[in-house]
Amino acid sequence: MTDPNRSILLTISRDEVPIGEVRAFTVDSLSIVISHLSNKVWGAVENLCSHDNGALGDGKLRRGDIVCPRHGASFDCITGKVKSLPAVKSVAFFEASEDDTGQVHISRSSGASNGNQ
């Protein structure tokens, strides 16, 4: 059953982001970093470090966090919560799920708390 509060922003094939890596995708003017943590475990956050507006998509995954390549701030790649300085604000997050056909859907739920916290 489809969640009426869920708006799919982007669909990709699971093969587009190998396990342990991140990739940036742009939908309209929104840039999203998709992280492939493990089999069927995905994260999606805004591609903009809250510390200095650097591109998180150029960063690396480290223990479930995406690390900004500019100054080392890190964020939980599923919740967007800031995990280390110099950032002090979280980044927006999106729901990410893989279906049985290998398609990964990135969506924004009206109930999700997207934005800096």
N, C-alpha and C. Protein backbone atom coordinates (compact mmCIF):
# COMPACT_ATOMS: atom_id res chain seq x y z
N MET A 1 0.84 -1.18 0.00
CA MET A 1 0.00 0.00 0.00
C MET A 1 0.88 1.24 0.00
N THR A 2 0.55 2.23 -0.78
CA THR A 2 1.33 3.45 -0.90
C THR A 2 0.96 4.42 0.21
N ASP A 3 1.96 5.00 0.83
CA ASP A 3 1.76 6.00 1.88
C ASP A 3 1.38 7.32 1.21
N PRO A 4 0.19 7.85 1.49
CA PRO A 4 -0.24 9.10 0.84
C PRO A 4 0.57 10.31 1.27
N ASN A 5 1.29 10.20 2.38
CA ASN A 5 2.11 11.31 2.86
C ASN A 5 3.52 11.28 2.27
N ARG A 6 3.81 10.29 1.44
CA ARG A 6 5.14 10.10 0.90
C ARG A 6 5.19 10.58 -0.54
N SER A 7 6.16 11.40 -0.83
CA SER A 7 6.35 11.93 -2.17
C SER A 7 7.70 11.48 -2.69
N ILE A 8 7.71 10.60 -3.69
CA ILE A 8 8.98 10.09 -4.23
C ILE A 8 9.63 11.17 -5.06
N LEU A 9 10.87 11.49 -4.70
CA LEU A 9 11.64 12.51 -5.39
C LEU A 9 12.52 11.93 -6.49
N LEU A 10 13.01 10.70 -6.25
CA LEU A 10 14.01 10.12 -7.13
C LEU A 10 13.98 8.60 -6.99
N THR A 11 14.18 7.90 -8.09
CA THR A 11 14.33 6.45 -8.08
C THR A 11 15.59 6.12 -8.87
N ILE A 12 16.44 5.28 -8.27
CA ILE A 12 17.67 4.83 -8.93
C ILE A 12 17.75 3.31 -8.82
N SER A 13 18.63 2.72 -9.59
CA SER A 13 18.93 1.30 -9.46
C SER A 13 19.94 1.11 -8.34
N ARG A 14 19.83 0.03 -7.59
CA ARG A 14 20.78 -0.21 -6.49
C ARG A 14 22.22 -0.27 -6.99
N ASP A 15 22.43 -0.61 -8.26
CA ASP A 15 23.77 -0.71 -8.83
C ASP A 15 24.44 0.64 -9.04
N GLU A 16 23.67 1.73 -8.96
CA GLU A 16 24.23 3.06 -9.18
C GLU A 16 25.09 3.54 -8.00
N VAL A 17 24.90 2.94 -6.82
CA VAL A 17 25.70 3.30 -5.65
C VAL A 17 26.18 2.00 -5.00
N PRO A 18 27.45 1.63 -5.20
CA PRO A 18 27.97 0.41 -4.60
C PRO A 18 27.95 0.47 -3.06
N ILE A 19 27.87 -0.69 -2.43
CA ILE A 19 27.89 -0.76 -0.97
C ILE A 19 29.17 -0.09 -0.46
N GLY A 20 29.00 0.76 0.56
CA GLY A 20 30.13 1.46 1.17
C GLY A 20 30.48 2.78 0.51
N GLU A 21 29.66 3.20 -0.45
CA GLU A 21 29.96 4.44 -1.16
C GLU A 21 28.78 5.40 -1.14
N VAL A 22 29.04 6.63 -1.57
CA VAL A 22 28.02 7.67 -1.67
C VAL A 22 28.05 8.25 -3.08
N ARG A 23 26.89 8.75 -3.51
CA ARG A 23 26.79 9.43 -4.80
C ARG A 23 25.80 10.56 -4.65
N ALA A 24 26.07 11.66 -5.35
CA ALA A 24 25.16 12.81 -5.34
C ALA A 24 24.28 12.76 -6.58
N PHE A 25 23.02 13.11 -6.39
CA PHE A 25 22.04 13.17 -7.47
C PHE A 25 21.30 14.49 -7.33
N THR A 26 20.89 15.06 -8.46
CA THR A 26 20.15 16.32 -8.43
C THR A 26 18.76 16.10 -9.00
N VAL A 27 17.77 16.57 -8.26
CA VAL A 27 16.37 16.51 -8.68
C VAL A 27 15.88 17.95 -8.67
N ASP A 28 15.53 18.46 -9.84
CA ASP A 28 15.20 19.87 -10.00
C ASP A 28 16.39 20.67 -9.45
N SER A 29 16.22 21.46 -8.42
CA SER A 29 17.34 22.22 -7.86
C SER A 29 17.82 21.63 -6.53
N LEU A 30 17.32 20.44 -6.18
CA LEU A 30 17.68 19.80 -4.92
C LEU A 30 18.77 18.77 -5.14
N SER A 31 19.90 18.90 -4.42
CA SER A 31 20.99 17.94 -4.52
C SER A 31 20.96 17.04 -3.29
N ILE A 32 20.94 15.73 -3.54
CA ILE A 32 20.81 14.72 -2.48
C ILE A 32 21.98 13.76 -2.56
N VAL A 33 22.55 13.41 -1.40
CA VAL A 33 23.60 12.40 -1.32
C VAL A 33 22.97 11.09 -0.87
N ILE A 34 23.14 10.05 -1.67
CA ILE A 34 22.61 8.74 -1.34
C ILE A 34 23.77 7.86 -0.88
N SER A 35 23.61 7.23 0.27
CA SER A 35 24.63 6.36 0.85
C SER A 35 24.11 4.92 0.84
N HIS A 36 24.95 3.99 0.41
CA HIS A 36 24.60 2.57 0.42
C HIS A 36 25.42 1.91 1.53
N LEU A 37 24.78 1.71 2.68
CA LEU A 37 25.48 1.22 3.87
C LEU A 37 25.72 -0.29 3.84
N SER A 38 24.71 -1.05 3.48
CA SER A 38 24.82 -2.50 3.38
C SER A 38 23.65 -2.99 2.57
N ASN A 39 23.53 -4.29 2.42
CA ASN A 39 22.45 -4.84 1.61
C ASN A 39 21.09 -4.30 2.06
N LYS A 40 20.43 -3.55 1.19
CA LYS A 40 19.11 -2.95 1.41
C LYS A 40 19.08 -1.89 2.52
N VAL A 41 20.23 -1.38 2.94
CA VAL A 41 20.26 -0.30 3.93
C VAL A 41 20.83 0.94 3.24
N TRP A 42 19.99 1.97 3.19
CA TRP A 42 20.30 3.19 2.45
C TRP A 42 20.09 4.42 3.32
N GLY A 43 20.80 5.48 2.98
CA GLY A 43 20.59 6.78 3.61
C GLY A 43 20.55 7.84 2.53
N ALA A 44 19.88 8.95 2.83
CA ALA A 44 19.82 10.05 1.87
C ALA A 44 19.71 11.36 2.65
N VAL A 45 20.66 12.25 2.39
CA VAL A 45 20.67 13.56 3.06
C VAL A 45 20.95 14.65 2.03
N GLU A 46 20.69 15.86 2.44
CA GLU A 46 20.98 17.01 1.60
C GLU A 46 22.49 17.07 1.31
N ASN A 47 22.85 17.42 0.10
CA ASN A 47 24.25 17.48 -0.31
C ASN A 47 24.85 18.85 0.00
N LEU A 48 24.76 19.24 1.27
CA LEU A 48 25.23 20.56 1.66
C LEU A 48 25.63 20.54 3.13
N CYS A 49 26.92 20.61 3.40
CA CYS A 49 27.41 20.62 4.78
C CYS A 49 26.88 21.88 5.48
N SER A 50 26.34 21.69 6.66
CA SER A 50 25.78 22.84 7.40
C SER A 50 26.87 23.73 7.99
N HIS A 51 28.12 23.28 7.94
CA HIS A 51 29.22 24.10 8.46
C HIS A 51 29.64 25.19 7.47
N ASP A 52 29.88 24.78 6.21
CA ASP A 52 30.38 25.78 5.24
C ASP A 52 29.83 25.59 3.84
N ASN A 53 28.72 24.86 3.73
CA ASN A 53 28.06 24.64 2.45
C ASN A 53 28.87 23.81 1.46
N GLY A 54 29.83 23.02 1.95
CA GLY A 54 30.59 22.12 1.09
C GLY A 54 29.72 20.97 0.61
N ALA A 55 30.14 20.30 -0.44
CA ALA A 55 29.40 19.18 -1.02
C ALA A 55 29.71 17.89 -0.27
N LEU A 56 28.72 17.37 0.45
CA LEU A 56 28.91 16.11 1.18
C LEU A 56 29.09 14.94 0.22
N GLY A 57 28.59 15.07 -0.99
CA GLY A 57 28.72 14.01 -1.98
C GLY A 57 30.15 13.73 -2.38
N ASP A 58 31.06 14.64 -2.07
CA ASP A 58 32.48 14.42 -2.33
C ASP A 58 33.16 13.73 -1.15
N GLY A 59 32.40 13.47 -0.09
CA GLY A 59 32.95 12.86 1.12
C GLY A 59 32.93 11.35 1.07
N LYS A 60 33.27 10.75 2.21
CA LYS A 60 33.35 9.30 2.35
C LYS A 60 32.47 8.84 3.50
N LEU A 61 32.09 7.57 3.47
CA LEU A 61 31.37 6.96 4.58
C LEU A 61 32.36 6.48 5.63
N ARG A 62 32.00 6.70 6.89
CA ARG A 62 32.81 6.19 8.00
C ARG A 62 31.85 5.76 9.10
N ARG A 63 31.72 4.45 9.30
CA ARG A 63 30.87 3.89 10.36
C ARG A 63 29.45 4.47 10.36
N GLY A 64 28.84 4.53 9.20
CA GLY A 64 27.47 5.01 9.08
C GLY A 64 27.31 6.52 9.01
N ASP A 65 28.42 7.22 8.99
CA ASP A 65 28.38 8.68 8.89
C ASP A 65 29.01 9.11 7.57
N ILE A 66 28.52 10.22 7.04
CA ILE A 66 29.16 10.80 5.87
C ILE A 66 30.04 11.95 6.36
N VAL A 67 31.29 11.95 5.92
CA VAL A 67 32.28 12.92 6.38
C VAL A 67 32.53 13.94 5.28
N CYS A 68 32.35 15.21 5.64
CA CYS A 68 32.59 16.29 4.70
C CYS A 68 34.08 16.35 4.36
N PRO A 69 34.42 16.41 3.09
CA PRO A 69 35.84 16.41 2.71
C PRO A 69 36.56 17.73 3.00
N ARG A 70 35.81 18.78 3.27
CA ARG A 70 36.45 20.09 3.46
C ARG A 70 37.07 20.25 4.85
N HIS A 71 36.27 20.03 5.90
CA HIS A 71 36.78 20.27 7.26
C HIS A 71 36.53 19.12 8.21
N GLY A 72 35.97 18.00 7.71
CA GLY A 72 35.82 16.80 8.53
C GLY A 72 34.56 16.70 9.36
N ALA A 73 33.62 17.63 9.21
CA ALA A 73 32.35 17.49 9.93
C ALA A 73 31.69 16.20 9.45
N SER A 74 30.95 15.54 10.35
CA SER A 74 30.27 14.32 9.93
C SER A 74 28.81 14.34 10.34
N PHE A 75 28.01 13.59 9.57
CA PHE A 75 26.57 13.55 9.75
C PHE A 75 26.11 12.11 9.60
N ASP A 76 25.12 11.72 10.39
CA ASP A 76 24.51 10.41 10.23
C ASP A 76 23.85 10.38 8.86
N CYS A 77 24.20 9.41 8.04
CA CYS A 77 23.70 9.44 6.65
C CYS A 77 22.26 8.97 6.53
N ILE A 78 21.63 8.53 7.61
CA ILE A 78 20.21 8.17 7.57
C ILE A 78 19.35 9.28 8.17
N THR A 79 19.78 9.84 9.31
CA THR A 79 18.98 10.85 10.01
C THR A 79 19.40 12.27 9.73
N GLY A 80 20.61 12.47 9.19
CA GLY A 80 21.12 13.82 8.94
C GLY A 80 21.66 14.51 10.18
N LYS A 81 21.61 13.84 11.33
CA LYS A 81 22.07 14.48 12.57
C LYS A 81 23.57 14.69 12.55
N VAL A 82 23.97 15.87 13.01
CA VAL A 82 25.40 16.18 13.07
C VAL A 82 26.05 15.26 14.09
N LYS A 83 27.23 14.74 13.73
CA LYS A 83 27.95 13.82 14.61
C LYS A 83 29.28 14.37 15.09
N SER A 84 29.85 15.34 14.36
CA SER A 84 31.12 15.89 14.82
C SER A 84 31.32 17.31 14.31
N LEU A 85 32.09 18.05 15.07
CA LEU A 85 32.46 19.41 14.72
C LEU A 85 33.32 19.40 13.46
N PRO A 86 33.39 20.50 12.76
CA PRO A 86 32.98 21.84 13.14
C PRO A 86 31.50 22.14 12.90
N ALA A 87 30.73 21.22 12.30
CA ALA A 87 29.29 21.47 12.11
C ALA A 87 28.58 21.39 13.45
N VAL A 88 27.55 22.20 13.60
CA VAL A 88 26.73 22.16 14.81
C VAL A 88 25.24 21.97 14.49
N LYS A 89 24.87 22.04 13.21
CA LYS A 89 23.49 21.86 12.79
C LYS A 89 23.37 20.62 11.92
N SER A 90 22.28 19.90 12.08
CA SER A 90 21.99 18.74 11.26
C SER A 90 21.65 19.17 9.84
N VAL A 91 21.66 18.21 8.92
CA VAL A 91 21.25 18.47 7.54
C VAL A 91 19.93 17.75 7.28
N ALA A 92 19.20 18.20 6.27
CA ALA A 92 17.93 17.58 5.92
C ALA A 92 18.14 16.13 5.50
N PHE A 93 17.20 15.28 5.86
CA PHE A 93 17.27 13.87 5.46
C PHE A 93 16.03 13.50 4.68
N PHE A 94 16.14 12.38 3.98
CA PHE A 94 15.06 11.87 3.16
C PHE A 94 14.92 10.38 3.42
N GLU A 95 13.74 9.85 3.21
CA GLU A 95 13.54 8.41 3.36
C GLU A 95 14.13 7.70 2.15
N ALA A 96 14.81 6.59 2.40
CA ALA A 96 15.40 5.81 1.33
C ALA A 96 15.05 4.35 1.56
N SER A 97 14.50 3.71 0.53
CA SER A 97 14.14 2.30 0.66
C SER A 97 14.34 1.59 -0.67
N GLU A 98 14.72 0.32 -0.57
CA GLU A 98 14.93 -0.51 -1.76
C GLU A 98 13.77 -1.49 -1.87
N ASP A 99 13.19 -1.58 -3.07
CA ASP A 99 12.10 -2.54 -3.26
C ASP A 99 12.66 -3.88 -3.73
N ASP A 100 11.79 -4.84 -3.96
CA ASP A 100 12.20 -6.20 -4.33
C ASP A 100 12.78 -6.30 -5.73
N THR A 101 12.63 -5.24 -6.54
CA THR A 101 13.18 -5.27 -7.90
C THR A 101 14.55 -4.59 -7.98
N GLY A 102 15.06 -4.10 -6.83
CA GLY A 102 16.37 -3.44 -6.83
C GLY A 102 16.32 -1.96 -7.12
N GLN A 103 15.13 -1.39 -7.08
CA GLN A 103 14.99 0.05 -7.26
C GLN A 103 15.02 0.73 -5.89
N VAL A 104 15.76 1.81 -5.80
CA VAL A 104 15.88 2.57 -4.55
C VAL A 104 15.08 3.84 -4.71
N HIS A 105 14.15 4.05 -3.79
CA HIS A 105 13.26 5.20 -3.84
C HIS A 105 13.64 6.19 -2.75
N ILE A 106 13.84 7.42 -3.15
CA ILE A 106 14.14 8.51 -2.22
C ILE A 106 12.90 9.38 -2.15
N SER A 107 12.42 9.58 -0.92
CA SER A 107 11.17 10.33 -0.78
C SER A 107 11.22 11.26 0.41
N ARG A 108 10.30 12.19 0.36
CA ARG A 108 10.12 13.12 1.46
C ARG A 108 8.75 12.84 2.04
N SER A 109 8.70 12.56 3.31
CA SER A 109 7.43 12.32 3.98
C SER A 109 6.97 13.61 4.64
N SER A 110 5.69 13.89 4.55
CA SER A 110 5.19 15.12 5.17
C SER A 110 5.38 15.10 6.69
N GLY A 111 5.53 13.91 7.27
CA GLY A 111 5.75 13.80 8.71
C GLY A 111 7.21 13.85 9.10
N ALA A 112 8.13 13.78 8.13
CA ALA A 112 9.56 13.78 8.44
C ALA A 112 10.02 15.18 8.83
N SER A 113 10.96 15.22 9.71
CA SER A 113 11.51 16.49 10.15
C SER A 113 12.75 16.81 9.34
N ASN A 114 12.56 17.39 8.17
CA ASN A 114 13.68 17.77 7.33
C ASN A 114 14.09 19.20 7.66
N GLY A 115 15.37 19.42 7.67
CA GLY A 115 15.87 20.76 7.94
C GLY A 115 16.86 20.75 9.08
N ASN A 116 17.46 21.86 9.31
CA ASN A 116 18.48 21.98 10.34
C ASN A 116 17.85 21.91 11.72
N GLN A 117 18.50 21.19 12.60
CA GLN A 117 18.00 21.03 13.96
C GLN A 117 19.07 21.38 14.95
